[in-house]
Amino acid sequence: MSDAEWVAKCELLSGKGVDQAGLAPLGRRILADLVEPFEERCRAS
């Protein structure tokens, strides 16, 4: 996966991308569950 893809996932995880997508809180929770495996990499970068 490219750095740009990781950055996009990190933004989604932090909520920036989620807000831009206009997702409801429930969708945000589901999305957080989906991107949870990327949390460690985001924190490490």
PDB file of N, CA and C in Angstrom:
ATOM      1  N   MET A   1       0.851  -1.197   0.000  1.00  0.00           N
ATOM      2  CA  MET A   1       0.000   0.000   0.000  1.00  0.00           C
ATOM      3  C   MET A   1       0.887   1.247   0.000  1.00  0.00           C
ATOM      4  N   SER A   2       0.523   2.235  -0.784  1.00  0.00           N
ATOM      5  CA  SER A   2       1.346   3.434  -0.891  1.00  0.00           C
ATOM      6  C   SER A   2       1.192   4.327   0.340  1.00  0.00           C
ATOM      7  N   ASP A   3       2.132   5.238   0.515  1.00  0.00           N
ATOM      8  CA  ASP A   3       2.053   6.187   1.634  1.00  0.00           C
ATOM      9  C   ASP A   3       0.774   7.009   1.551  1.00  0.00           C
ATOM     10  N   ALA A   4       0.396   7.395   0.333  1.00  0.00           N
ATOM     11  CA  ALA A   4      -0.816   8.205   0.167  1.00  0.00           C
ATOM     12  C   ALA A   4      -2.042   7.444   0.657  1.00  0.00           C
ATOM     13  N   GLU A   5      -2.073   6.154   0.393  1.00  0.00           N
ATOM     14  CA  GLU A   5      -3.209   5.340   0.844  1.00  0.00           C
ATOM     15  C   GLU A   5      -3.236   5.261   2.363  1.00  0.00           C
ATOM     16  N   TRP A   6      -2.067   5.118   2.989  1.00  0.00           N
ATOM     17  CA  TRP A   6      -2.012   5.089   4.454  1.00  0.00           C
ATOM     18  C   TRP A   6      -2.464   6.432   5.022  1.00  0.00           C
ATOM     19  N   VAL A   7      -2.014   7.527   4.407  1.00  0.00           N
ATOM     20  CA  VAL A   7      -2.424   8.856   4.877  1.00  0.00           C
ATOM     21  C   VAL A   7      -3.939   8.987   4.805  1.00  0.00           C
ATOM     22  N   ALA A   8      -4.534   8.527   3.701  1.00  0.00           N
ATOM     23  CA  ALA A   8      -5.985   8.606   3.551  1.00  0.00           C
ATOM     24  C   ALA A   8      -6.676   7.802   4.638  1.00  0.00           C
ATOM     25  N   LYS A   9      -6.153   6.616   4.942  1.00  0.00           N
ATOM     26  CA  LYS A   9      -6.751   5.794   5.983  1.00  0.00           C
ATOM     27  C   LYS A   9      -6.588   6.444   7.349  1.00  0.00           C
ATOM     28  N   CYS A  10      -5.448   7.054   7.583  1.00  0.00           N
ATOM     29  CA  CYS A  10      -5.222   7.738   8.859  1.00  0.00           C
ATOM     30  C   CYS A  10      -6.184   8.917   9.009  1.00  0.00           C
ATOM     31  N   GLU A  11      -6.434   9.630   7.917  1.00  0.00           N
ATOM     32  CA  GLU A  11      -7.381  10.747   7.967  1.00  0.00           C
ATOM     33  C   GLU A  11      -8.784  10.230   8.256  1.00  0.00           C
ATOM     34  N   LEU A  12      -9.151   9.106   7.632  1.00  0.00           N
ATOM     35  CA  LEU A  12     -10.456   8.517   7.913  1.00  0.00           C
ATOM     36  C   LEU A  12     -10.542   8.148   9.387  1.00  0.00           C
ATOM     37  N   LEU A  13      -9.481   7.556   9.886  1.00  0.00           N
ATOM     38  CA  LEU A  13      -9.446   7.114  11.276  1.00  0.00           C
ATOM     39  C   LEU A  13      -9.588   8.302  12.223  1.00  0.00           C
ATOM     40  N   SER A  14      -8.952   9.410  11.881  1.00  0.00           N
ATOM     41  CA  SER A  14      -9.002  10.580  12.747  1.00  0.00           C
ATOM     42  C   SER A  14     -10.320  11.338  12.623  1.00  0.00           C
ATOM     43  N   GLY A  15     -11.122  10.996  11.619  1.00  0.00           N
ATOM     44  CA  GLY A  15     -12.427  11.619  11.470  1.00  0.00           C
ATOM     45  C   GLY A  15     -12.510  12.663  10.377  1.00  0.00           C
ATOM     46  N   LYS A  16     -11.366  13.129   9.884  1.00  0.00           N
ATOM     47  CA  LYS A  16     -11.381  14.165   8.848  1.00  0.00           C
ATOM     48  C   LYS A  16     -12.079  13.669   7.588  1.00  0.00           C
ATOM     49  N   GLY A  17     -11.630  12.510   7.095  1.00  0.00           N
ATOM     50  CA  GLY A  17     -12.215  11.948   5.887  1.00  0.00           C
ATOM     51  C   GLY A  17     -13.670  11.558   6.105  1.00  0.00           C
ATOM     52  N   VAL A  18     -13.971  11.068   7.314  1.00  0.00           N
ATOM     53  CA  VAL A  18     -15.339  10.660   7.620  1.00  0.00           C
ATOM     54  C   VAL A  18     -16.272  11.863   7.548  1.00  0.00           C
ATOM     55  N   ASP A  19     -15.872  12.977   8.156  1.00  0.00           N
ATOM     56  CA  ASP A  19     -16.705  14.176   8.134  1.00  0.00           C
ATOM     57  C   ASP A  19     -16.906  14.676   6.704  1.00  0.00           C
ATOM     58  N   GLN A  20     -15.850  14.622   5.902  1.00  0.00           N
ATOM     59  CA  GLN A  20     -15.964  15.070   4.526  1.00  0.00           C
ATOM     60  C   GLN A  20     -16.931  14.183   3.748  1.00  0.00           C
ATOM     61  N   ALA A  21     -16.976  12.916   4.115  1.00  0.00           N
ATOM     62  CA  ALA A  21     -17.872  11.987   3.436  1.00  0.00           C
ATOM     63  C   ALA A  21     -19.317  12.167   3.898  1.00  0.00           C
ATOM     64  N   GLY A  22     -19.506  12.892   4.996  1.00  0.00           N
ATOM     65  CA  GLY A  22     -20.851  13.167   5.471  1.00  0.00           C
ATOM     66  C   GLY A  22     -21.546  11.957   6.075  1.00  0.00           C
ATOM     67  N   LEU A  23     -20.763  11.029   6.617  1.00  0.00           N
ATOM     68  CA  LEU A  23     -21.357   9.818   7.179  1.00  0.00           C
ATOM     69  C   LEU A  23     -21.979  10.099   8.547  1.00  0.00           C
ATOM     70  N   ALA A  24     -23.051   9.393   8.831  1.00  0.00           N
ATOM     71  CA  ALA A  24     -23.706   9.497  10.132  1.00  0.00           C
ATOM     72  C   ALA A  24     -22.826   8.851  11.204  1.00  0.00           C
ATOM     73  N   PRO A  25     -23.088   9.158  12.481  1.00  0.00           N
ATOM     74  CA  PRO A  25     -22.281   8.585  13.563  1.00  0.00           C
ATOM     75  C   PRO A  25     -22.198   7.059  13.511  1.00  0.00           C
ATOM     76  N   LEU A  26     -23.303   6.392  13.161  1.00  0.00           N
ATOM     77  CA  LEU A  26     -23.262   4.936  13.071  1.00  0.00           C
ATOM     78  C   LEU A  26     -22.302   4.498  11.976  1.00  0.00           C
ATOM     79  N   GLY A  27     -22.366   5.170  10.829  1.00  0.00           N
ATOM     80  CA  GLY A  27     -21.440   4.862   9.747  1.00  0.00           C
ATOM     81  C   GLY A  27     -20.004   5.108  10.180  1.00  0.00           C
ATOM     82  N   ARG A  28     -19.809   6.146  10.981  1.00  0.00           N
ATOM     83  CA  ARG A  28     -18.480   6.474  11.480  1.00  0.00           C
ATOM     84  C   ARG A  28     -17.970   5.338  12.377  1.00  0.00           C
ATOM     85  N   ARG A  29     -18.865   4.791  13.213  1.00  0.00           N
ATOM     86  CA  ARG A  29     -18.462   3.684  14.085  1.00  0.00           C
ATOM     87  C   ARG A  29     -18.096   2.452  13.275  1.00  0.00           C
ATOM     88  N   ILE A  30     -18.904   2.147  12.265  1.00  0.00           N
ATOM     89  CA  ILE A  30     -18.617   0.999  11.405  1.00  0.00           C
ATOM     90  C   ILE A  30     -17.284   1.210  10.697  1.00  0.00           C
ATOM     91  N   LEU A  31     -17.073   2.413  10.187  1.00  0.00           N
ATOM     92  CA  LEU A  31     -15.837   2.724   9.495  1.00  0.00           C
ATOM     93  C   LEU A  31     -14.653   2.596  10.449  1.00  0.00           C
ATOM     94  N   ALA A  32     -14.808   3.071  11.678  1.00  0.00           N
ATOM     95  CA  ALA A  32     -13.733   2.953  12.661  1.00  0.00           C
ATOM     96  C   ALA A  32     -13.384   1.489  12.905  1.00  0.00           C
ATOM     97  N   ASP A  33     -14.409   0.630  12.948  1.00  0.00           N
ATOM     98  CA  ASP A  33     -14.155  -0.802  13.118  1.00  0.00           C
ATOM     99  C   ASP A  33     -13.379  -1.350  11.923  1.00  0.00           C
ATOM    100  N   LEU A  34     -13.707  -0.872  10.729  1.00  0.00           N
ATOM    101  CA  LEU A  34     -13.036  -1.359   9.525  1.00  0.00           C
ATOM    102  C   LEU A  34     -11.576  -0.919   9.473  1.00  0.00           C
ATOM    103  N   VAL A  35     -11.289   0.294   9.933  1.00  0.00           N
ATOM    104  CA  VAL A  35      -9.921   0.804   9.820  1.00  0.00           C
ATOM    105  C   VAL A  35      -9.093   0.571  11.078  1.00  0.00           C
ATOM    106  N   GLU A  36      -9.707  -0.043  12.096  1.00  0.00           N
ATOM    107  CA  GLU A  36      -8.987  -0.293  13.343  1.00  0.00           C
ATOM    108  C   GLU A  36      -7.623  -0.963  13.138  1.00  0.00           C
ATOM    109  N   PRO A  37      -7.507  -1.949  12.226  1.00  0.00           N
ATOM    110  CA  PRO A  37      -6.197  -2.577  12.033  1.00  0.00           C
ATOM    111  C   PRO A  37      -5.099  -1.604  11.595  1.00  0.00           C
ATOM    112  N   PHE A  38      -5.491  -0.443  11.057  1.00  0.00           N
ATOM    113  CA  PHE A  38      -4.498   0.528  10.591  1.00  0.00           C
ATOM    114  C   PHE A  38      -4.066   1.495  11.693  1.00  0.00           C
ATOM    115  N   GLU A  39      -4.728   1.444  12.858  1.00  0.00           N
ATOM    116  CA  GLU A  39      -4.434   2.400  13.915  1.00  0.00           C
ATOM    117  C   GLU A  39      -2.967   2.397  14.316  1.00  0.00           C
ATOM    118  N   GLU A  40      -2.414   1.215  14.513  1.00  0.00           N
ATOM    119  CA  GLU A  40      -1.027   1.126  14.959  1.00  0.00           C
ATOM    120  C   GLU A  40      -0.081   1.767  13.955  1.00  0.00           C
ATOM    121  N   ARG A  41      -0.294   1.507  12.688  1.00  0.00           N
ATOM    122  CA  ARG A  41       0.574   2.094  11.667  1.00  0.00           C
ATOM    123  C   ARG A  41       0.425   3.616  11.654  1.00  0.00           C
ATOM    124  N   CYS A  42      -0.791   4.106  11.838  1.00  0.00           N
ATOM    125  CA  CYS A  42      -1.003   5.545  11.838  1.00  0.00           C
ATOM    126  C   CYS A  42      -0.284   6.186  13.021  1.00  0.00           C
ATOM    127  N   ARG A  43      -0.374   5.571  14.168  1.00  0.00           N
ATOM    128  CA  ARG A  43       0.303   6.105  15.362  1.00  0.00           C
ATOM    129  C   ARG A  43       1.811   6.057  15.194  1.00  0.00           C
ATOM    130  N   ALA A  44       2.291   5.010  14.506  1.00  0.00           N
ATOM    131  CA  ALA A  44       3.730   4.826  14.347  1.00  0.00           C
ATOM    132  C   ALA A  44       4.328   5.807  13.342  1.00  0.00           C
ATOM    133  N   SER A  45       3.505   6.339  12.446  1.00  0.00           N
ATOM    134  CA  SER A  45       4.039   7.209  11.391  1.00  0.00           C
ATOM    135  C   SER A  45       4.080   8.665  11.808  1.00  0.00           C
TER     136      SER A  45
END
